[in-house]
Protein backbone atom coordinates (compact mmCIF):
# COMPACT_ATOMS: atom_id res chain seq x y z
CA MET A 1 35.19 69.36 -4.69
CA MET A 2 31.39 70.39 -5.13
CA ARG A 3 31.38 69.24 -8.67
CA LYS A 4 32.62 65.66 -7.82
CA LEU A 5 29.74 65.33 -5.13
CA LEU A 6 27.15 66.24 -7.77
CA LEU A 7 28.69 63.85 -10.33
CA ILE A 8 28.50 60.79 -7.92
CA LEU A 9 24.87 61.64 -6.78
CA ALA A 10 23.94 62.00 -10.47
CA LEU A 11 25.60 58.54 -11.35
CA SER A 12 23.80 56.98 -8.21
CA LEU A 13 20.52 58.28 -9.51
CA VAL A 14 21.14 56.67 -13.09
CA ALA A 15 22.27 53.40 -11.30
CA LEU A 16 19.18 52.98 -9.16
CA PRO A 17 17.28 49.66 -10.02
CA ALA A 18 14.41 50.05 -12.26
CA SER A 19 12.36 47.92 -9.60
CA ALA A 20 12.96 50.74 -7.17
CA GLN A 21 12.07 53.48 -9.62
CA ASN A 22 8.60 51.39 -10.30
CA ALA A 23 7.90 50.93 -6.72
CA ASN A 24 8.07 54.67 -6.23
CA GLY A 25 5.61 55.32 -9.15
CA ALA A 26 3.27 52.85 -7.72
CA GLY A 27 3.37 54.35 -4.38
CA ALA A 28 2.59 57.84 -6.28
CA ASP A 29 -0.11 56.35 -7.94
CA LYS A 30 -1.67 54.67 -4.89
CA ARG A 31 -1.63 57.88 -3.14
CA SER A 32 -3.30 59.55 -5.83
CA ALA A 33 -5.98 56.78 -5.78
CA ASP A 34 -6.41 57.26 -2.28
CA ARG A 35 -7.05 61.16 -2.61
CA ALA A 36 -9.30 60.29 -5.39
CA ALA A 37 -11.29 57.71 -3.29
CA ALA A 38 -11.58 60.39 -0.23
CA VAL A 39 -12.70 63.07 -2.41
CA PRO A 40 -14.53 61.19 -5.20
CA PRO A 41 -15.99 63.01 -8.25
CA ARG A 42 -19.75 64.31 -7.57
CA VAL A 43 -21.00 61.73 -10.11
CA ASN A 44 -19.41 59.10 -7.90
CA ARG A 45 -21.15 60.23 -4.79
CA ALA A 46 -24.33 60.34 -6.47
CA ALA A 47 -24.19 56.89 -7.44
CA ARG A 48 -22.99 55.53 -4.34
CA ALA A 49 -26.07 57.42 -2.63
CA VAL A 50 -28.54 55.69 -4.99
CA TYR A 51 -26.78 52.45 -4.23
CA LEU A 52 -27.25 52.69 -0.65
CA GLN A 53 -30.66 53.68 -0.85
CA ASN A 54 -31.43 50.82 -3.23
CA SER A 55 -29.70 48.28 -0.70
CA GLU A 56 -31.99 49.70 2.44
CA ALA A 57 -35.19 49.55 0.32
CA GLU A 58 -34.13 45.84 -0.55
CA ILE A 59 -33.75 45.21 3.35
CA ARG A 60 -36.91 46.95 4.20
CA ASP A 61 -39.00 45.20 1.66
CA ARG A 62 -37.62 41.89 2.63
CA ILE A 63 -38.16 42.56 6.39
CA ASN A 64 -41.92 43.97 5.85
CA ALA A 65 -42.69 41.06 3.23
CA GLY A 66 -42.65 38.66 6.03
CA SER A 67 -43.97 40.65 8.83
CA ILE A 68 -47.14 39.96 10.64
CA GLY A 69 -48.71 42.07 13.36
CA LEU A 70 -50.26 40.14 16.11
CA ALA A 71 -52.57 42.16 18.54
CA ALA A 72 -52.26 40.39 21.87
CA GLY A 73 -53.29 42.11 25.06
CA LEU A 74 -52.06 43.51 28.55
CA LEU A 75 -48.77 42.93 29.76
CA GLU A 76 -49.91 40.74 32.76
CA GLY A 77 -52.22 38.99 30.68
CA ALA A 78 -51.88 35.24 29.21
CA PRO A 79 -52.87 36.34 25.53
CA LEU A 80 -49.56 38.37 25.47
CA ARG A 81 -47.79 35.59 26.73
CA PHE A 82 -48.88 33.31 24.07
CA ALA A 83 -48.04 35.91 21.45
CA THR A 84 -44.53 36.22 22.56
CA GLU A 85 -44.31 32.37 22.60
CA ILE A 86 -45.82 32.28 19.13
CA SER A 87 -43.35 34.73 17.68
CA ARG A 88 -40.32 32.68 19.56
CA VAL A 89 -40.84 29.37 17.56
CA VAL A 90 -42.54 31.22 14.20
CA ASN A 91 -39.53 33.60 13.89
CA GLU A 92 -36.86 30.80 13.95
CA GLY A 93 -37.87 29.67 10.50
CA GLY A 94 -36.97 33.07 8.86
CA LYS A 95 -39.60 33.17 6.68
CA VAL A 96 -42.41 34.95 8.89
CA LYS A 97 -41.68 37.72 11.54
CA VAL A 98 -44.20 37.98 14.20
CA LEU A 99 -44.51 41.28 16.13
CA PRO A 100 -46.68 40.85 19.34
CA ILE A 101 -48.40 44.14 20.13
CA VAL A 102 -49.31 45.25 23.43
CA THR A 103 -53.08 46.31 23.60
CA ARG A 104 -56.24 46.97 25.92
CA GLY A 105 -57.07 43.28 25.83
CA PRO A 106 -58.63 40.39 23.72
CA THR A 107 -62.26 42.26 23.22
CA GLU A 108 -60.60 45.64 21.89
CA ASN A 109 -58.38 43.48 19.42
CA VAL A 110 -61.42 42.97 17.59
CA ASN A 111 -60.89 46.92 16.80
CA ASP A 112 -57.51 46.63 16.37
CA LEU A 113 -57.74 43.73 13.80
CA LEU A 114 -60.64 45.57 11.89
CA TYR A 115 -59.16 49.23 11.83
CA LEU A 116 -55.39 49.36 13.01
CA LYS A 117 -52.53 49.52 10.70
CA GLY A 118 -50.07 46.70 10.53
CA VAL A 119 -52.68 44.07 12.34
CA ASP A 120 -52.93 40.86 10.44
CA VAL A 121 -53.94 38.45 13.11
CA ALA A 122 -55.49 38.96 16.86
CA ILE A 123 -56.15 37.05 20.04
CA ILE A 124 -59.76 37.46 20.98
CA ASN A 125 -62.13 36.00 23.55
CA SER A 126 -65.24 34.34 21.26
CA ASP A 127 -67.89 36.27 22.99
CA SER A 128 -66.54 39.55 22.20
CA LEU A 129 -68.09 39.09 18.65
CA ASP A 130 -71.22 39.34 20.12
CA GLU A 131 -71.28 43.19 20.41
CA TYR A 132 -69.47 43.77 17.06
CA ARG A 133 -72.02 41.70 15.07
CA ALA A 134 -74.68 44.47 15.78
CA GLN A 135 -72.13 47.13 14.98
CA VAL A 136 -70.13 45.85 11.89
CA PRO A 137 -72.00 44.72 9.04
CA GLU A 138 -70.88 41.27 7.63
CA ILE A 139 -68.09 40.97 10.36
CA GLU A 140 -68.17 37.30 9.72
CA ASN A 141 -66.73 37.86 6.45
CA ARG A 142 -64.04 40.11 7.37
CA ILE A 143 -62.73 38.04 10.37
CA VAL A 144 -61.82 34.33 9.79
CA HIS A 145 -61.04 31.84 12.40
CA VAL A 146 -57.17 30.26 12.75
CA MET A 147 -57.35 28.11 15.79
CA ASN A 148 -58.77 27.78 19.42
CA LEU A 149 -55.65 28.90 21.98
CA PHE A 150 -57.01 28.01 25.47
CA PRO A 151 -60.06 28.68 27.81
CA SER A 152 -60.41 31.65 29.78
CA GLU A 153 -62.16 30.44 33.01
CA LEU A 154 -64.37 32.68 34.87
CA HIS A 155 -63.19 33.49 38.63
CA ILE A 156 -65.93 34.78 40.80
CA PHE A 157 -63.75 35.29 44.20
CA ALA A 158 -66.33 36.63 46.98
CA ARG A 159 -66.20 38.00 50.46
CA PRO A 160 -66.96 35.21 53.40
CA GLU A 161 -70.39 36.35 53.83
CA ILE A 162 -71.44 35.68 50.02
CA ASN A 163 -72.03 31.95 49.45
CA THR A 164 -74.05 32.05 46.16
CA LEU A 165 -74.29 33.94 43.02
CA ALA A 166 -77.79 34.99 44.24
CA ASP A 167 -76.08 36.63 47.26
CA LEU A 168 -74.27 39.11 45.06
CA ALA A 169 -77.59 40.60 43.62
CA GLY A 170 -77.67 44.41 44.08
CA LYS A 171 -74.09 44.36 45.34
CA LYS A 172 -71.02 45.84 44.36
CA VAL A 173 -68.63 43.61 42.02
CA ASN A 174 -65.85 44.55 40.19
CA PHE A 175 -64.89 43.69 36.70
CA ASN A 176 -61.39 44.83 36.33
CA THR A 177 -60.56 47.92 33.88
CA GLN A 178 -62.81 48.69 30.70
CA GLY A 179 -61.37 46.70 27.50
CA THR A 180 -60.34 43.78 29.46
CA ALA A 181 -61.94 40.26 29.14
CA ALA A 182 -63.54 40.38 32.59
CA ALA A 183 -65.12 43.93 31.89
CA TYR A 184 -66.75 42.41 28.73
CA SER A 185 -67.40 38.73 29.31
CA GLY A 186 -68.22 39.15 33.03
CA PRO A 187 -71.06 41.53 32.66
CA LEU A 188 -72.43 39.47 29.61
CA ILE A 189 -72.19 36.21 31.86
CA PHE A 190 -73.97 37.83 34.74
CA SER A 191 -76.79 39.10 32.46
CA ARG A 192 -77.37 35.70 30.92
CA LEU A 193 -77.49 34.18 34.55
CA GLY A 194 -80.06 36.86 35.62
CA ILE A 195 -77.75 38.32 38.28
CA GLU A 196 -78.14 42.06 38.40
CA VAL A 197 -75.25 43.70 40.35
CA GLU A 198 -73.73 47.24 40.93
CA LYS A 199 -70.77 47.09 38.29
CA THR A 200 -67.63 48.74 39.04
CA PHE A 201 -64.21 48.73 36.71
CA VAL A 202 -61.42 49.34 38.53
CA PRO A 203 -57.87 47.73 38.48
CA HIS A 204 -57.97 44.45 40.36
CA PRO A 205 -55.23 45.07 42.79
CA VAL A 206 -57.44 48.10 43.97
CA ALA A 207 -60.58 45.87 43.99
CA LEU A 208 -59.06 43.19 45.85
CA GLU A 209 -58.13 45.37 48.48
CA GLN A 210 -61.70 46.95 48.65
CA MET A 211 -62.98 43.54 49.04
CA ARG A 212 -60.80 42.59 51.69
CA LYS A 213 -62.03 45.70 53.78
CA GLY A 214 -65.81 45.17 52.86
CA GLU A 215 -65.99 47.64 50.27
CA THR A 216 -66.52 45.30 47.48
CA ALA A 217 -68.61 41.77 47.59
CA ALA A 218 -66.85 40.16 44.82
CA VAL A 219 -64.21 40.46 42.21
CA VAL A 220 -64.56 38.84 38.58
CA PHE A 221 -61.66 37.44 36.66
CA VAL A 222 -61.78 35.86 33.22
CA THR A 223 -58.44 34.47 32.37
CA SER A 224 -56.43 31.29 32.18
CA LYS A 225 -56.07 29.79 35.52
CA PRO A 226 -54.15 29.71 37.82
CA VAL A 227 -54.12 33.37 38.84
CA ASP A 228 -51.28 34.75 40.67
CA ALA A 229 -53.42 36.97 43.04
CA PHE A 230 -55.30 33.75 44.37
CA VAL A 231 -52.14 31.45 44.38
CA LYS A 232 -49.30 33.91 45.82
CA ARG A 233 -51.28 35.95 48.27
CA LYS A 234 -52.76 34.72 51.66
CA TRP A 235 -56.64 35.13 52.31
CA ASP A 236 -58.36 35.06 55.44
CA GLU A 237 -60.64 32.06 56.24
CA GLY A 238 -63.94 32.34 54.42
CA PHE A 239 -62.79 33.97 50.95
CA LYS A 240 -64.08 31.47 48.38
CA PHE A 241 -64.77 31.24 44.56
CA LEU A 242 -68.31 30.84 43.93
CA PRO A 243 -69.76 27.92 41.26
CA ALA A 244 -71.33 29.29 38.16
CA PRO A 245 -73.63 26.95 36.61
CA PHE A 246 -73.40 26.10 32.72
CA GLY A 247 -76.87 26.06 30.90
CA PRO A 248 -78.36 26.37 27.79
CA GLY A 249 -78.19 30.08 27.65
CA LEU A 250 -74.32 29.96 27.34
CA ILE A 251 -73.74 27.28 24.83
CA ASP A 252 -73.22 29.86 21.66
CA TYR A 253 -69.93 31.17 23.12
CA TYR A 254 -69.07 29.22 26.42
CA ILE A 255 -67.95 25.88 27.49
CA PRO A 256 -67.99 24.22 31.01
CA ALA A 257 -65.08 24.54 33.26
CA SER A 258 -63.91 23.82 36.87
CA LEU A 259 -61.43 25.55 39.47
CA THR A 260 -59.60 22.65 41.57
CA SER A 261 -57.59 22.16 44.58
CA ALA A 262 -54.89 21.54 42.21
CA ASP A 263 -55.30 25.16 40.77
CA TYR A 264 -55.73 26.80 44.04
CA PRO A 265 -54.71 24.59 46.91
CA ALA A 266 -55.22 27.38 49.87
CA LEU A 267 -58.46 28.28 48.82
CA ILE A 268 -60.22 24.97 47.54
CA PRO A 269 -60.09 22.08 49.83
CA ALA A 270 -58.15 18.95 48.30
CA GLY A 271 -60.23 16.68 46.04
CA GLN A 272 -62.97 19.55 45.69
CA THR A 273 -63.97 21.49 42.39
CA VAL A 274 -65.92 24.63 41.86
CA GLU A 275 -67.80 24.45 38.54
CA THR A 276 -67.69 27.58 36.41
CA ILE A 277 -67.62 28.77 32.97
CA ALA A 278 -64.72 29.25 30.47
CA VAL A 279 -64.54 31.73 27.42
CA PRO A 280 -62.69 30.23 24.44
CA THR A 281 -59.61 32.38 23.79
CA VAL A 282 -59.21 32.20 20.02
CA LEU A 283 -56.65 33.30 17.15
CA VAL A 284 -58.22 35.22 14.40
CA ALA A 285 -57.06 36.87 11.20
CA TYR A 286 -58.17 39.47 8.89
CA ASN A 287 -59.81 38.15 5.84
CA TRP A 288 -57.44 39.58 3.29
CA LYS A 289 -57.86 39.11 -0.40
CA PRO A 290 -56.74 36.01 -1.66
CA GLY A 291 -53.80 36.55 -3.89
CA SER A 292 -52.77 39.87 -2.00
CA PRO A 293 -49.39 40.12 -0.14
CA ARG A 294 -51.01 40.36 3.34
CA HIS A 295 -53.08 37.37 2.56
CA ASP A 296 -49.91 35.50 1.35
CA ARG A 297 -48.07 36.59 4.65
CA VAL A 298 -51.24 35.15 6.73
CA THR A 299 -51.19 32.05 4.88
CA ALA A 300 -47.22 31.69 5.66
CA PHE A 301 -47.74 32.66 9.31
CA VAL A 302 -50.35 29.86 9.63
CA ASN A 303 -48.27 27.25 8.08
CA GLU A 304 -45.21 27.95 10.19
CA LEU A 305 -47.32 28.20 13.22
CA PHE A 306 -49.10 24.79 12.54
CA GLY A 307 -45.83 23.18 12.03
CA LYS A 308 -44.40 24.37 15.26
CA LEU A 309 -47.39 23.24 17.51
CA ASP A 310 -45.48 20.24 18.83
CA GLU A 311 -42.70 22.38 19.91
CA LEU A 312 -44.90 24.53 22.04
CA ARG A 313 -46.67 21.69 23.88
CA VAL A 314 -43.23 20.70 25.53
CA SER A 315 -42.09 22.42 28.85
CA GLY A 316 -40.47 25.82 28.78
CA PHE A 317 -43.61 27.11 27.09
CA ASP A 318 -47.23 27.71 28.72
CA PRO A 319 -48.97 24.63 29.86
CA LYS A 320 -52.04 25.65 28.34
CA TRP A 321 -50.63 25.08 24.73
CA LYS A 322 -51.90 21.35 25.38
CA ASP A 323 -55.31 22.77 25.44
CA ALA A 324 -54.99 24.55 21.98
CA ASP A 325 -56.84 22.95 19.17
CA PRO A 326 -56.25 23.62 15.66
CA TYR A 327 -59.43 21.44 14.64
CA ALA A 328 -61.89 23.35 16.77
CA SER A 329 -64.33 25.94 15.34
CA VAL A 330 -65.88 28.85 16.53
CA PRO A 331 -69.85 29.52 15.95
CA GLY A 332 -70.72 32.31 13.23
CA LEU A 333 -67.08 32.32 12.05
CA GLN A 334 -65.50 30.87 8.81
CA ARG A 335 -62.05 29.05 8.80
CA LEU A 336 -59.32 30.65 7.30
CA LYS A 337 -58.44 28.69 4.18
CA ALA A 338 -54.90 28.04 5.12
CA ALA A 339 -56.15 26.37 8.40
CA ASP A 340 -58.65 24.61 6.81
CA SER A 341 -56.02 23.06 4.36
CA TRP A 342 -53.78 22.09 7.25
CA ARG A 343 -56.71 20.39 9.12
CA ASP A 344 -57.73 18.42 6.01
CA SER A 345 -54.35 17.11 5.13
CA HIS A 346 -53.53 16.15 8.88
CA GLN A 347 -56.86 14.49 9.17
CA ILE A 348 -56.24 12.36 6.09
CA ALA A 349 -52.62 11.69 7.31
CA ASN A 350 -53.82 10.64 10.62
CA ARG A 351 -56.42 8.19 9.12
CA ILE A 352 -53.84 6.55 6.87
CA MET A 353 -51.67 6.05 9.69
CA ARG A 354 -54.19 4.52 11.95
CA PRO A 355 -53.71 0.50 12.18
């Protein structure tokens, strides 16, 4: 009986279709291949590591080739807001990647542009160059002007008993923390106006409380209007903005400006204005050697930014973009060649299009 069973089994195997036998063979081959893939020979592991390294290097090089470091300012300041909006529109093109950098402010940004690795462009106040011209030889050859962004208005906010700038002489006036626009431009403007005060440099929220208590006579802001501290907070009657006259001693770095009831309806009566001074806030670049990779990056950045200015001037972006001027100049600074080329081409195009 056993012999018959063995004979039947043998005949069944002989009669098995060739396709089934091939299928079983293919399955075995696949399992062997899977095992080989799971534990590849040493040479394959080495080759794979080289491939991955090369791929990552290509990605790293591609990203860095278009990256621009933009020294902006403090978290609460207008320069960082502008830098963020620049990155929003410029990065969309995919050619340039703008990296806004939080810094101590537009004055310190000159230092960052000159010495901090990875910084190609910066937002500065025009008068911050006054100090550096004495400290940095030939600074005008190391920094070039790209465009004017917006004016930073001087706000001198005083207690009820203070009515004029002259009343502040010898009294305590706060200029915000060191490194900010107010801490640099404020004392410089006061000096040029001939007003000697006791200068303090504490955070503005602290100084405003001190002023409310009578410990400080005034606080000085140098920033884009309107300022939330004067719009959202309620101030007792008599607290006011002091007018600051624009004169010959200010024409090198500053421009005339005004604060209006539209800016501060709770502090300036309807229809009235307070004359003041503004510091142009400008976009500058490091003057990289023509033909160098970083010079090419900055050129690409400027072309992308200037091509997107109309987008930045629509609703949804800071209203001050309407004041941005790619045609303006800054005393003592040469223009970046890419900015000059764009300006010249558009001036020609505008002349052609005129009827």
